[in-house]
Amino acid sequence: VFPVSKQIFLIPDIQHETFPNFFTDEVLKARRKAFDQALKGAGAIITISEYARETLLNYSKTLCNDIFLTSPSLQKDYLKTLVNPPDELVELCKGRYFLYPANLWPHKNHRRLLQAFEQFISNDNEDIFLILTGHQKGWPALKEEFSHLPITLLGFVSPQSLQFLYKNAISLVFFSLYEGFGMPLLEAFEIGVPVICSNTTSLPEVGGDAVLSCDPTDIEAIGLLMRKIAHDEHLRRSLISKGKQRLEKYTWKKAVENLGIAFNTVLENQHSTTKEESTSPLVAKLTSYPLVSIV
């Protein structure tokens, strides 16, 4: 009963149109139905990066031109320090390691990262390993293929444990094929960890000059960046400093201001009500203000 034209939708990205092969037919059909309905008839759209905004505006099914940028910032819980880290976590973090916090989804590009890490290990005599976190679906096959490499998969960890992992890492490695935003970059900037990542989608926008980046499909280039960041202390300090400055660009205040503009835009565009709305007290009450939906 709530008119779509009075709804505000948060659409972080339309990855399914760039990489449809990463989704089952059923999921792809459901996503297209839901997203296309929102993009055709919504009162307004909010999204999380300028890259995502441009992608939505240029999408052939988009009829809503009121698309507002509401980039996220860090969650307050993430900033809480882990007071008593588990002994096994402390022991693990005594070594030198790269960190990749990402679910084992196709666009997260784990296989190429592990291939690059394999090259890095073969050309480097140091005892450096790789820590992965996130959903473990699909791990057994990868584990068997790369069983000779020093890799630890921790699965899901708490925000505080993840913060502890960041703090002791050589760098964040984030060579995803597609990101609507890329929150791990902000997490690394906050903790003070250098970042090497993809040069595609939203990551150049979020990372700016505070990251080293390359083509996420170029295995050799990824390996070279790993070597560069592992052996150049001056470079790591420089990136950490730039990351702290970059973090100031992303605040909840700015996101809230743009959300407020989206609300006012929808309200201003509603000059009349339908016959159904005027005859139903419940609907009239429900439609007094815009509705925010998260897809």
C-alpha atoms as a PDB file:
ATOM      1  CA  VAL A   1       0.000   0.000   0.000  1.00  0.00           C
ATOM      2  CA  PHE A   2       2.998   2.330   0.281  1.00  0.00           C
ATOM      3  CA  PRO A   3       3.656   4.080  -3.067  1.00  0.00           C
ATOM      4  CA  VAL A   4       7.113   3.375  -4.485  1.00  0.00           C
ATOM      5  CA  SER A   5       7.344   7.041  -5.485  1.00  0.00           C
ATOM      6  CA  LYS A   6       7.403   7.957  -1.782  1.00  0.00           C
ATOM      7  CA  GLN A   7      10.132   5.474  -0.936  1.00  0.00           C
ATOM      8  CA  ILE A   8      13.874   6.072  -0.627  1.00  0.00           C
ATOM      9  CA  PHE A   9      16.018   3.042  -1.476  1.00  0.00           C
ATOM     10  CA  LEU A  10      19.585   2.399  -0.430  1.00  0.00           C
ATOM     11  CA  ILE A  11      21.290   0.585  -3.320  1.00  0.00           C
ATOM     12  CA  PRO A  12      24.993   0.050  -2.609  1.00  0.00           C
ATOM     13  CA  ASP A  13      25.814  -1.243  -6.103  1.00  0.00           C
ATOM     14  CA  ILE A  14      24.561  -3.302  -9.039  1.00  0.00           C
ATOM     15  CA  GLN A  15      27.393  -5.805  -9.141  1.00  0.00           C
ATOM     16  CA  HIS A  16      25.000  -8.401 -10.571  1.00  0.00           C
ATOM     17  CA  GLU A  17      24.917  -6.470 -13.858  1.00  0.00           C
ATOM     18  CA  THR A  18      28.716  -6.330 -14.120  1.00  0.00           C
ATOM     19  CA  PHE A  19      29.326  -9.937 -13.065  1.00  0.00           C
ATOM     20  CA  PRO A  20      26.050 -11.827 -13.670  1.00  0.00           C
ATOM     21  CA  ASN A  21      28.025 -15.091 -13.806  1.00  0.00           C
ATOM     22  CA  PHE A  22      28.796 -14.715 -10.083  1.00  0.00           C
ATOM     23  CA  PHE A  23      25.120 -15.309  -9.240  1.00  0.00           C
ATOM     24  CA  THR A  24      22.766 -18.241  -9.627  1.00  0.00           C
ATOM     25  CA  ASP A  25      19.908 -17.793 -12.123  1.00  0.00           C
ATOM     26  CA  GLU A  26      17.418 -17.618  -9.261  1.00  0.00           C
ATOM     27  CA  VAL A  27      19.346 -14.963  -7.328  1.00  0.00           C
ATOM     28  CA  LEU A  28      20.048 -12.942 -10.475  1.00  0.00           C
ATOM     29  CA  LYS A  29      16.358 -12.928 -11.413  1.00  0.00           C
ATOM     30  CA  ALA A  30      15.326 -11.854  -7.902  1.00  0.00           C
ATOM     31  CA  ARG A  31      17.938  -9.078  -7.748  1.00  0.00           C
ATOM     32  CA  ARG A  32      16.968  -7.686 -11.123  1.00  0.00           C
ATOM     33  CA  LYS A  33      13.287  -7.672 -10.226  1.00  0.00           C
ATOM     34  CA  ALA A  34      13.841  -5.843  -6.929  1.00  0.00           C
ATOM     35  CA  PHE A  35      16.545  -3.435  -8.088  1.00  0.00           C
ATOM     36  CA  ASP A  36      14.838  -2.540 -11.363  1.00  0.00           C
ATOM     37  CA  GLN A  37      11.569  -1.782  -9.577  1.00  0.00           C
ATOM     38  CA  ALA A  38      13.371   0.598  -7.235  1.00  0.00           C
ATOM     39  CA  LEU A  39      15.420   2.270  -9.962  1.00  0.00           C
ATOM     40  CA  LYS A  40      12.350   2.835 -12.143  1.00  0.00           C
ATOM     41  CA  GLY A  41       9.907   4.204  -9.604  1.00  0.00           C
ATOM     42  CA  ALA A  42      11.644   5.302  -6.408  1.00  0.00           C
ATOM     43  CA  GLY A  43      11.145   8.747  -4.986  1.00  0.00           C
ATOM     44  CA  ALA A  44      14.904   8.861  -4.482  1.00  0.00           C
ATOM     45  CA  ILE A  45      17.931   6.580  -4.333  1.00  0.00           C
ATOM     46  CA  ILE A  46      20.846   6.791  -1.922  1.00  0.00           C
ATOM     47  CA  THR A  47      24.131   5.023  -2.551  1.00  0.00           C
ATOM     48  CA  ILE A  48      27.584   4.740  -1.015  1.00  0.00           C
ATOM     49  CA  SER A  49      30.177   6.010  -3.492  1.00  0.00           C
ATOM     50  CA  GLU A  50      30.424   8.334  -6.468  1.00  0.00           C
ATOM     51  CA  TYR A  51      31.396   5.308  -8.536  1.00  0.00           C
ATOM     52  CA  ALA A  52      28.153   3.540  -7.531  1.00  0.00           C
ATOM     53  CA  ARG A  53      26.152   6.721  -8.169  1.00  0.00           C
ATOM     54  CA  GLU A  54      27.510   7.080 -11.709  1.00  0.00           C
ATOM     55  CA  THR A  55      26.925   3.379 -12.352  1.00  0.00           C
ATOM     56  CA  LEU A  56      23.281   3.693 -11.293  1.00  0.00           C
ATOM     57  CA  LEU A  57      22.726   6.868 -13.327  1.00  0.00           C
ATOM     58  CA  ASN A  58      24.151   5.211 -16.442  1.00  0.00           C
ATOM     59  CA  TYR A  59      22.205   1.958 -16.004  1.00  0.00           C
ATOM     60  CA  SER A  60      19.626   1.542 -18.771  1.00  0.00           C
ATOM     61  CA  LYS A  61      16.789   0.643 -16.366  1.00  0.00           C
ATOM     62  CA  THR A  62      17.253   3.738 -14.158  1.00  0.00           C
ATOM     63  CA  LEU A  63      14.445   6.280 -14.483  1.00  0.00           C
ATOM     64  CA  CYS A  64      14.970   7.931 -11.083  1.00  0.00           C
ATOM     65  CA  ASN A  65      17.466  10.788 -11.462  1.00  0.00           C
ATOM     66  CA  ASP A  66      17.436  11.790  -7.784  1.00  0.00           C
ATOM     67  CA  ILE A  67      20.409   9.695  -6.617  1.00  0.00           C
ATOM     68  CA  PHE A  68      22.253  10.976  -3.550  1.00  0.00           C
ATOM     69  CA  LEU A  69      25.684  10.100  -2.185  1.00  0.00           C
ATOM     70  CA  THR A  70      25.666   8.890   1.446  1.00  0.00           C
ATOM     71  CA  SER A  71      29.126   7.376   1.888  1.00  0.00           C
ATOM     72  CA  PRO A  72      29.572   5.471   5.162  1.00  0.00           C
ATOM     73  CA  SER A  73      32.023   5.977   7.987  1.00  0.00           C
ATOM     74  CA  LEU A  74      33.284   3.583  10.671  1.00  0.00           C
ATOM     75  CA  GLN A  75      30.895   1.945  13.131  1.00  0.00           C
ATOM     76  CA  LYS A  76      31.360   3.001  16.752  1.00  0.00           C
ATOM     77  CA  ASP A  77      31.720  -0.634  17.864  1.00  0.00           C
ATOM     78  CA  TYR A  78      34.686  -1.024  15.565  1.00  0.00           C
ATOM     79  CA  LEU A  79      36.601   1.661  17.448  1.00  0.00           C
ATOM     80  CA  LYS A  80      36.420  -0.240  20.753  1.00  0.00           C
ATOM     81  CA  THR A  81      39.752  -1.767  21.752  1.00  0.00           C
ATOM     82  CA  LEU A  82      40.080  -5.497  22.397  1.00  0.00           C
ATOM     83  CA  VAL A  83      41.038  -5.507  26.090  1.00  0.00           C
ATOM     84  CA  ASN A  84      41.971  -9.156  26.544  1.00  0.00           C
ATOM     85  CA  PRO A  85      42.725 -10.772  23.168  1.00  0.00           C
ATOM     86  CA  PRO A  86      42.678 -14.597  23.183  1.00  0.00           C
ATOM     87  CA  ASP A  87      46.091 -16.211  23.647  1.00  0.00           C
ATOM     88  CA  GLU A  88      45.870 -17.973  20.268  1.00  0.00           C
ATOM     89  CA  LEU A  89      45.233 -14.636  18.551  1.00  0.00           C
ATOM     90  CA  VAL A  90      48.170 -13.015  20.322  1.00  0.00           C
ATOM     91  CA  GLU A  91      50.421 -15.923  19.351  1.00  0.00           C
ATOM     92  CA  LEU A  92      49.271 -15.783  15.722  1.00  0.00           C
ATOM     93  CA  CYS A  93      49.927 -12.054  15.467  1.00  0.00           C
ATOM     94  CA  LYS A  94      53.539 -12.320  16.659  1.00  0.00           C
ATOM     95  CA  GLY A  95      54.647 -13.193  13.122  1.00  0.00           C
ATOM     96  CA  ARG A  96      54.673 -11.046   9.974  1.00  0.00           C
ATOM     97  CA  TYR A  97      51.570 -11.394   7.827  1.00  0.00           C
ATOM     98  CA  PHE A  98      49.286  -9.837   5.239  1.00  0.00           C
ATOM     99  CA  LEU A  99      45.576  -9.576   6.078  1.00  0.00           C
ATOM    100  CA  TYR A 100      42.612 -10.061   3.756  1.00  0.00           C
ATOM    101  CA  PRO A 101      39.211  -9.744   5.538  1.00  0.00           C
ATOM    102  CA  ALA A 102      36.672 -10.894   2.939  1.00  0.00           C
ATOM    103  CA  ASN A 103      34.070 -13.600   2.455  1.00  0.00           C
ATOM    104  CA  LEU A 104      34.998 -16.277  -0.063  1.00  0.00           C
ATOM    105  CA  TRP A 105      32.735 -14.831  -2.752  1.00  0.00           C
ATOM    106  CA  PRO A 106      33.747 -14.898  -6.455  1.00  0.00           C
ATOM    107  CA  HIS A 107      34.270 -11.136  -6.763  1.00  0.00           C
ATOM    108  CA  LYS A 108      36.657 -11.128  -3.808  1.00  0.00           C
ATOM    109  CA  ASN A 109      39.253 -12.704  -6.109  1.00  0.00           C
ATOM    110  CA  HIS A 110      40.879 -15.053  -3.590  1.00  0.00           C
ATOM    111  CA  ARG A 111      42.428 -17.422  -6.131  1.00  0.00           C
ATOM    112  CA  ARG A 112      44.431 -14.682  -7.849  1.00  0.00           C
ATOM    113  CA  LEU A 113      45.523 -13.310  -4.477  1.00  0.00           C
ATOM    114  CA  LEU A 114      46.781 -16.749  -3.440  1.00  0.00           C
ATOM    115  CA  GLN A 115      48.558 -17.161  -6.771  1.00  0.00           C
ATOM    116  CA  ALA A 116      50.248 -13.787  -6.231  1.00  0.00           C
ATOM    117  CA  PHE A 117      51.153 -14.753  -2.671  1.00  0.00           C
ATOM    118  CA  GLU A 118      52.645 -17.969  -4.033  1.00  0.00           C
ATOM    119  CA  GLN A 119      54.897 -15.915  -6.319  1.00  0.00           C
ATOM    120  CA  PHE A 120      55.795 -13.614  -3.449  1.00  0.00           C
ATOM    121  CA  ILE A 121      56.765 -16.544  -1.210  1.00  0.00           C
ATOM    122  CA  SER A 122      58.865 -18.184  -3.931  1.00  0.00           C
ATOM    123  CA  ASN A 123      60.925 -14.993  -4.359  1.00  0.00           C
ATOM    124  CA  ASP A 124      61.180 -14.040  -0.697  1.00  0.00           C
ATOM    125  CA  ASN A 125      63.151 -15.742   2.039  1.00  0.00           C
ATOM    126  CA  GLU A 126      61.307 -14.085   4.921  1.00  0.00           C
ATOM    127  CA  ASP A 127      58.830 -16.006   7.050  1.00  0.00           C
ATOM    128  CA  ILE A 128      55.673 -14.129   6.048  1.00  0.00           C
ATOM    129  CA  PHE A 129      52.180 -15.625   5.988  1.00  0.00           C
ATOM    130  CA  LEU A 130      48.656 -14.650   4.952  1.00  0.00           C
ATOM    131  CA  ILE A 131      45.606 -14.400   7.233  1.00  0.00           C
ATOM    132  CA  LEU A 132      42.094 -14.606   5.799  1.00  0.00           C
ATOM    133  CA  THR A 133      38.822 -13.923   7.614  1.00  0.00           C
ATOM    134  CA  GLY A 134      35.173 -14.211   6.588  1.00  0.00           C
ATOM    135  CA  HIS A 135      32.724 -16.795   5.280  1.00  0.00           C
ATOM    136  CA  GLN A 136      34.459 -20.109   4.558  1.00  0.00           C
ATOM    137  CA  LYS A 137      32.230 -21.539   1.808  1.00  0.00           C
ATOM    138  CA  GLY A 138      34.465 -22.842  -0.967  1.00  0.00           C
ATOM    139  CA  TRP A 139      37.590 -22.965   1.183  1.00  0.00           C
ATOM    140  CA  PRO A 140      38.300 -26.749   1.039  1.00  0.00           C
ATOM    141  CA  ALA A 141      39.027 -26.616  -2.707  1.00  0.00           C
ATOM    142  CA  LEU A 142      41.294 -23.583  -2.369  1.00  0.00           C
ATOM    143  CA  LYS A 143      43.017 -25.037   0.664  1.00  0.00           C
ATOM    144  CA  GLU A 144      43.865 -28.215  -1.236  1.00  0.00           C
ATOM    145  CA  GLU A 145      45.184 -26.280  -4.220  1.00  0.00           C
ATOM    146  CA  PHE A 146      47.388 -24.008  -2.085  1.00  0.00           C
ATOM    147  CA  SER A 147      48.135 -26.362   0.814  1.00  0.00           C
ATOM    148  CA  HIS A 148      51.868 -25.679   0.455  1.00  0.00           C
ATOM    149  CA  LEU A 149      51.445 -22.002   1.342  1.00  0.00           C
ATOM    150  CA  PRO A 150      51.468 -20.477   4.864  1.00  0.00           C
ATOM    151  CA  ILE A 151      47.825 -19.379   4.954  1.00  0.00           C
ATOM    152  CA  THR A 152      45.483 -19.227   7.945  1.00  0.00           C
ATOM    153  CA  LEU A 153      41.709 -18.894   7.531  1.00  0.00           C
ATOM    154  CA  LEU A 154      40.030 -17.743  10.752  1.00  0.00           C
ATOM    155  CA  GLY A 155      36.435 -17.543   9.520  1.00  0.00           C
ATOM    156  CA  PHE A 156      34.242 -14.867  11.064  1.00  0.00           C
ATOM    157  CA  VAL A 157      35.867 -12.824  13.854  1.00  0.00           C
ATOM    158  CA  SER A 158      34.546 -10.055  16.107  1.00  0.00           C
ATOM    159  CA  PRO A 159      35.149  -6.408  15.136  1.00  0.00           C
ATOM    160  CA  GLN A 160      37.575  -6.126  18.056  1.00  0.00           C
ATOM    161  CA  SER A 161      39.505  -9.240  17.004  1.00  0.00           C
ATOM    162  CA  LEU A 162      39.655  -7.900  13.456  1.00  0.00           C
ATOM    163  CA  GLN A 163      41.005  -4.623  14.810  1.00  0.00           C
ATOM    164  CA  PHE A 164      43.742  -6.579  16.604  1.00  0.00           C
ATOM    165  CA  LEU A 165      44.588  -8.393  13.358  1.00  0.00           C
ATOM    166  CA  TYR A 166      44.814  -5.107  11.478  1.00  0.00           C
ATOM    167  CA  LYS A 167      47.065  -3.558  14.081  1.00  0.00           C
ATOM    168  CA  ASN A 168      49.761  -6.208  13.720  1.00  0.00           C
ATOM    169  CA  ALA A 169      49.592  -6.774   9.939  1.00  0.00           C
ATOM    170  CA  ILE A 170      52.233  -5.748   7.406  1.00  0.00           C
ATOM    171  CA  SER A 171      49.380  -4.402   5.306  1.00  0.00           C
ATOM    172  CA  LEU A 172      45.813  -4.905   4.226  1.00  0.00           C
ATOM    173  CA  VAL A 173      45.626  -6.693   0.867  1.00  0.00           C
ATOM    174  CA  PHE A 174      42.306  -6.008  -0.856  1.00  0.00           C
ATOM    175  CA  PHE A 175      42.321  -7.069  -4.497  1.00  0.00           C
ATOM    176  CA  SER A 176      38.583  -7.403  -5.004  1.00  0.00           C
ATOM    177  CA  LEU A 177      37.150  -7.315  -8.521  1.00  0.00           C
ATOM    178  CA  TYR A 178      34.170  -5.193  -7.515  1.00  0.00           C
ATOM    179  CA  GLU A 179      33.375  -2.905  -4.587  1.00  0.00           C
ATOM    180  CA  GLY A 180      30.511  -0.462  -4.144  1.00  0.00           C
ATOM    181  CA  PHE A 181      32.629   1.192  -1.431  1.00  0.00           C
ATOM    182  CA  GLY A 182      35.319  -0.855   0.369  1.00  0.00           C
ATOM    183  CA  MET A 183      34.972  -0.448   4.150  1.00  0.00           C
ATOM    184  CA  PRO A 184      38.187  -2.391   4.943  1.00  0.00           C
ATOM    185  CA  LEU A 185      40.145   0.569   3.560  1.00  0.00           C
ATOM    186  CA  LEU A 186      38.644   2.884   6.188  1.00  0.00           C
ATOM    187  CA  GLU A 187      39.251   0.263   8.878  1.00  0.00           C
ATOM    188  CA  ALA A 188      42.919   0.041   7.915  1.00  0.00           C
ATOM    189  CA  PHE A 189      43.255   3.839   7.767  1.00  0.00           C
ATOM    190  CA  GLU A 190      41.818   4.125  11.285  1.00  0.00           C
ATOM    191  CA  ILE A 191      44.075   1.474  12.812  1.00  0.00           C
ATOM    192  CA  GLY A 192      47.183   2.704  11.004  1.00  0.00           C
ATOM    193  CA  VAL A 193      47.864  -0.082   8.514  1.00  0.00           C
ATOM    194  CA  PRO A 194      49.141   0.484   4.948  1.00  0.00           C
ATOM    195  CA  VAL A 195      46.872  -0.656   2.109  1.00  0.00           C
ATOM    196  CA  ILE A 196      47.528  -2.349  -1.213  1.00  0.00           C
ATOM    197  CA  CYS A 197      44.403  -2.892  -3.297  1.00  0.00           C
ATOM    198  CA  SER A 198      42.649  -2.992  -6.670  1.00  0.00           C
ATOM    199  CA  ASN A 199      42.641   0.003  -8.983  1.00  0.00           C
ATOM    200  CA  THR A 200      39.058  -0.645 -10.098  1.00  0.00           C
ATOM    201  CA  THR A 201      35.443   0.302  -9.246  1.00  0.00           C
ATOM    202  CA  SER A 202      35.154   2.436  -6.075  1.00  0.00           C
ATOM    203  CA  LEU A 203      38.534   1.652  -4.515  1.00  0.00           C
ATOM    204  CA  PRO A 204      40.552   4.428  -6.224  1.00  0.00           C
ATOM    205  CA  GLU A 205      37.889   6.888  -5.057  1.00  0.00           C
ATOM    206  CA  VAL A 206      38.023   5.714  -1.439  1.00  0.00           C
ATOM    207  CA  GLY A 207      41.770   5.101  -1.277  1.00  0.00           C
ATOM    208  CA  GLY A 208      43.040   8.129  -3.166  1.00  0.00           C
ATOM    209  CA  ASP A 209      46.801   8.605  -2.724  1.00  0.00           C
ATOM    210  CA  ALA A 210      46.763   6.651   0.557  1.00  0.00           C
ATOM    211  CA  VAL A 211      47.011   3.234  -1.157  1.00  0.00           C
ATOM    212  CA  LEU A 212      49.181   1.339  -3.623  1.00  0.00           C
ATOM    213  CA  SER A 213      47.022  -0.251  -6.295  1.00  0.00           C
ATOM    214  CA  CYS A 214      47.113  -2.373  -9.435  1.00  0.00           C
ATOM    215  CA  ASP A 215      44.900  -4.397 -11.768  1.00  0.00           C
ATOM    216  CA  PRO A 216      43.329  -7.162  -9.618  1.00  0.00           C
ATOM    217  CA  THR A 217      43.598  -9.605 -12.526  1.00  0.00           C
ATOM    218  CA  ASP A 218      47.374  -9.070 -12.839  1.00  0.00           C
ATOM    219  CA  ILE A 219      48.864 -11.730 -10.544  1.00  0.00           C
ATOM    220  CA  GLU A 220      52.457 -10.611 -11.079  1.00  0.00           C
ATOM    221  CA  ALA A 221      51.606  -6.975 -10.257  1.00  0.00           C
ATOM    222  CA  ILE A 222      49.867  -8.021  -7.024  1.00  0.00           C
ATOM    223  CA  GLY A 223      52.931 -10.043  -6.011  1.00  0.00           C
ATOM    224  CA  LEU A 224      55.227  -7.100  -6.724  1.00  0.00           C
ATOM    225  CA  LEU A 225      53.109  -4.795  -4.539  1.00  0.00           C
ATOM    226  CA  MET A 226      53.262  -7.337  -1.720  1.00  0.00           C
ATOM    227  CA  ARG A 227      57.043  -7.400  -1.976  1.00  0.00           C
ATOM    228  CA  LYS A 228      57.259  -3.610  -2.148  1.00  0.00           C
ATOM    229  CA  ILE A 229      55.104  -3.009   0.930  1.00  0.00           C
ATOM    230  CA  ALA A 230      56.764  -5.792   2.925  1.00  0.00           C
ATOM    231  CA  HIS A 231      60.279  -4.404   2.502  1.00  0.00           C
ATOM    232  CA  ASP A 232      59.873  -0.622   2.492  1.00  0.00           C
ATOM    233  CA  GLU A 233      59.323   0.742   5.998  1.00  0.00           C
ATOM    234  CA  HIS A 234      59.396   4.353   4.819  1.00  0.00           C
ATOM    235  CA  LEU A 235      56.649   3.628   2.279  1.00  0.00           C
ATOM    236  CA  ARG A 236      54.491   1.959   4.931  1.00  0.00           C
ATOM    237  CA  ARG A 237      54.806   4.964   7.255  1.00  0.00           C
ATOM    238  CA  SER A 238      53.965   7.336   4.395  1.00  0.00           C
ATOM    239  CA  LEU A 239      50.817   5.409   3.456  1.00  0.00           C
ATOM    240  CA  ILE A 240      49.704   5.210   7.097  1.00  0.00           C
ATOM    241  CA  SER A 241      50.011   8.995   7.410  1.00  0.00           C
ATOM    242  CA  LYS A 242      48.060   9.581   4.206  1.00  0.00           C
ATOM    243  CA  GLY A 243      45.425   7.077   5.336  1.00  0.00           C
ATOM    244  CA  LYS A 244      44.753   9.067   8.519  1.00  0.00           C
ATOM    245  CA  GLN A 245      44.190  12.169   6.404  1.00  0.00           C
ATOM    246  CA  ARG A 246      42.005  10.276   3.949  1.00  0.00           C
ATOM    247  CA  LEU A 247      39.767   9.060   6.776  1.00  0.00           C
ATOM    248  CA  GLU A 248      38.651  12.641   7.480  1.00  0.00           C
ATOM    249  CA  LYS A 249      36.824  12.653   4.137  1.00  0.00           C
ATOM    250  CA  TYR A 250      34.276  10.091   5.369  1.00  0.00           C
ATOM    251  CA  THR A 251      31.960  11.168   8.192  1.00  0.00           C
ATOM    252  CA  TRP A 252      28.417  10.216   9.173  1.00  0.00           C
ATOM    253  CA  LYS A 253      27.570  13.932   9.334  1.00  0.00           C
ATOM    254  CA  LYS A 254      28.008  14.332   5.583  1.00  0.00           C
ATOM    255  CA  ALA A 255      26.005  11.159   4.886  1.00  0.00           C
ATOM    256  CA  VAL A 256      23.143  12.337   7.112  1.00  0.00           C
ATOM    257  CA  GLU A 257      23.057  15.745   5.428  1.00  0.00           C
ATOM    258  CA  ASN A 258      22.649  14.143   2.007  1.00  0.00           C
ATOM    259  CA  LEU A 259      20.007  11.760   3.341  1.00  0.00           C
ATOM    260  CA  GLY A 260      18.108  14.815   4.597  1.00  0.00           C
ATOM    261  CA  ILE A 261      18.250  16.315   1.107  1.00  0.00           C
ATOM    262  CA  ALA A 262      16.854  13.052  -0.281  1.00  0.00           C
ATOM    263  CA  PHE A 263      13.930  13.181   2.177  1.00  0.00           C
ATOM    264  CA  ASN A 264      13.135  16.785   1.257  1.00  0.00           C
ATOM    265  CA  THR A 265      13.331  15.987  -2.456  1.00  0.00           C
ATOM    266  CA  VAL A 266      10.753  13.215  -2.113  1.00  0.00           C
ATOM    267  CA  LEU A 267       8.470  15.411  -0.020  1.00  0.00           C
ATOM    268  CA  GLU A 268       8.664  18.271  -2.517  1.00  0.00           C
ATOM    269  CA  ASN A 269       7.845  15.924  -5.394  1.00  0.00           C
ATOM    270  CA  GLN A 270       4.608  14.736  -3.777  1.00  0.00           C
ATOM    271  CA  HIS A 271       1.956  17.310  -4.710  1.00  0.00           C
ATOM    272  CA  SER A 272      -1.118  15.118  -4.575  1.00  0.00           C
ATOM    273  CA  THR A 273      -2.392  11.849  -3.183  1.00  0.00           C
ATOM    274  CA  THR A 274      -4.208   9.053  -4.980  1.00  0.00           C
ATOM    275  CA  LYS A 275      -7.869   8.258  -4.460  1.00  0.00           C
ATOM    276  CA  GLU A 276      -6.883   5.120  -2.494  1.00  0.00           C
ATOM    277  CA  GLU A 277      -4.719   7.183  -0.150  1.00  0.00           C
ATOM    278  CA  SER A 278      -7.420   9.740   0.517  1.00  0.00           C
ATOM    279  CA  THR A 279      -9.999   7.070   1.407  1.00  0.00           C
ATOM    280  CA  SER A 280      -7.751   5.067   3.742  1.00  0.00           C
ATOM    281  CA  PRO A 281      -6.757   6.659   7.087  1.00  0.00           C
ATOM    282  CA  LEU A 282      -4.056   3.986   7.587  1.00  0.00           C
ATOM    283  CA  VAL A 283      -2.476   4.594   4.195  1.00  0.00           C
ATOM    284  CA  ALA A 284      -2.729   8.355   4.661  1.00  0.00           C
ATOM    285  CA  LYS A 285      -0.856   8.032   7.951  1.00  0.00           C
ATOM    286  CA  LEU A 286       1.757   5.675   6.491  1.00  0.00           C
ATOM    287  CA  THR A 287       2.447   7.914   3.525  1.00  0.00           C
ATOM    288  CA  SER A 288       2.901  11.119   5.508  1.00  0.00           C
ATOM    289  CA  TYR A 289       6.662  10.683   5.300  1.00  0.00           C
ATOM    290  CA  PRO A 290       9.034   8.913   2.917  1.00  0.00           C
ATOM    291  CA  LEU A 291       9.970   5.315   3.607  1.00  0.00           C
ATOM    292  CA  VAL A 292      13.594   4.164   3.688  1.00  0.00           C
ATOM    293  CA  SER A 293      14.212   0.668   2.315  1.00  0.00           C
ATOM    294  CA  ILE A 294      17.510  -1.214   2.216  1.00  0.00           C
ATOM    295  CA  VAL A 295      18.028  -3.630  -0.680  1.00  0.00           C
END
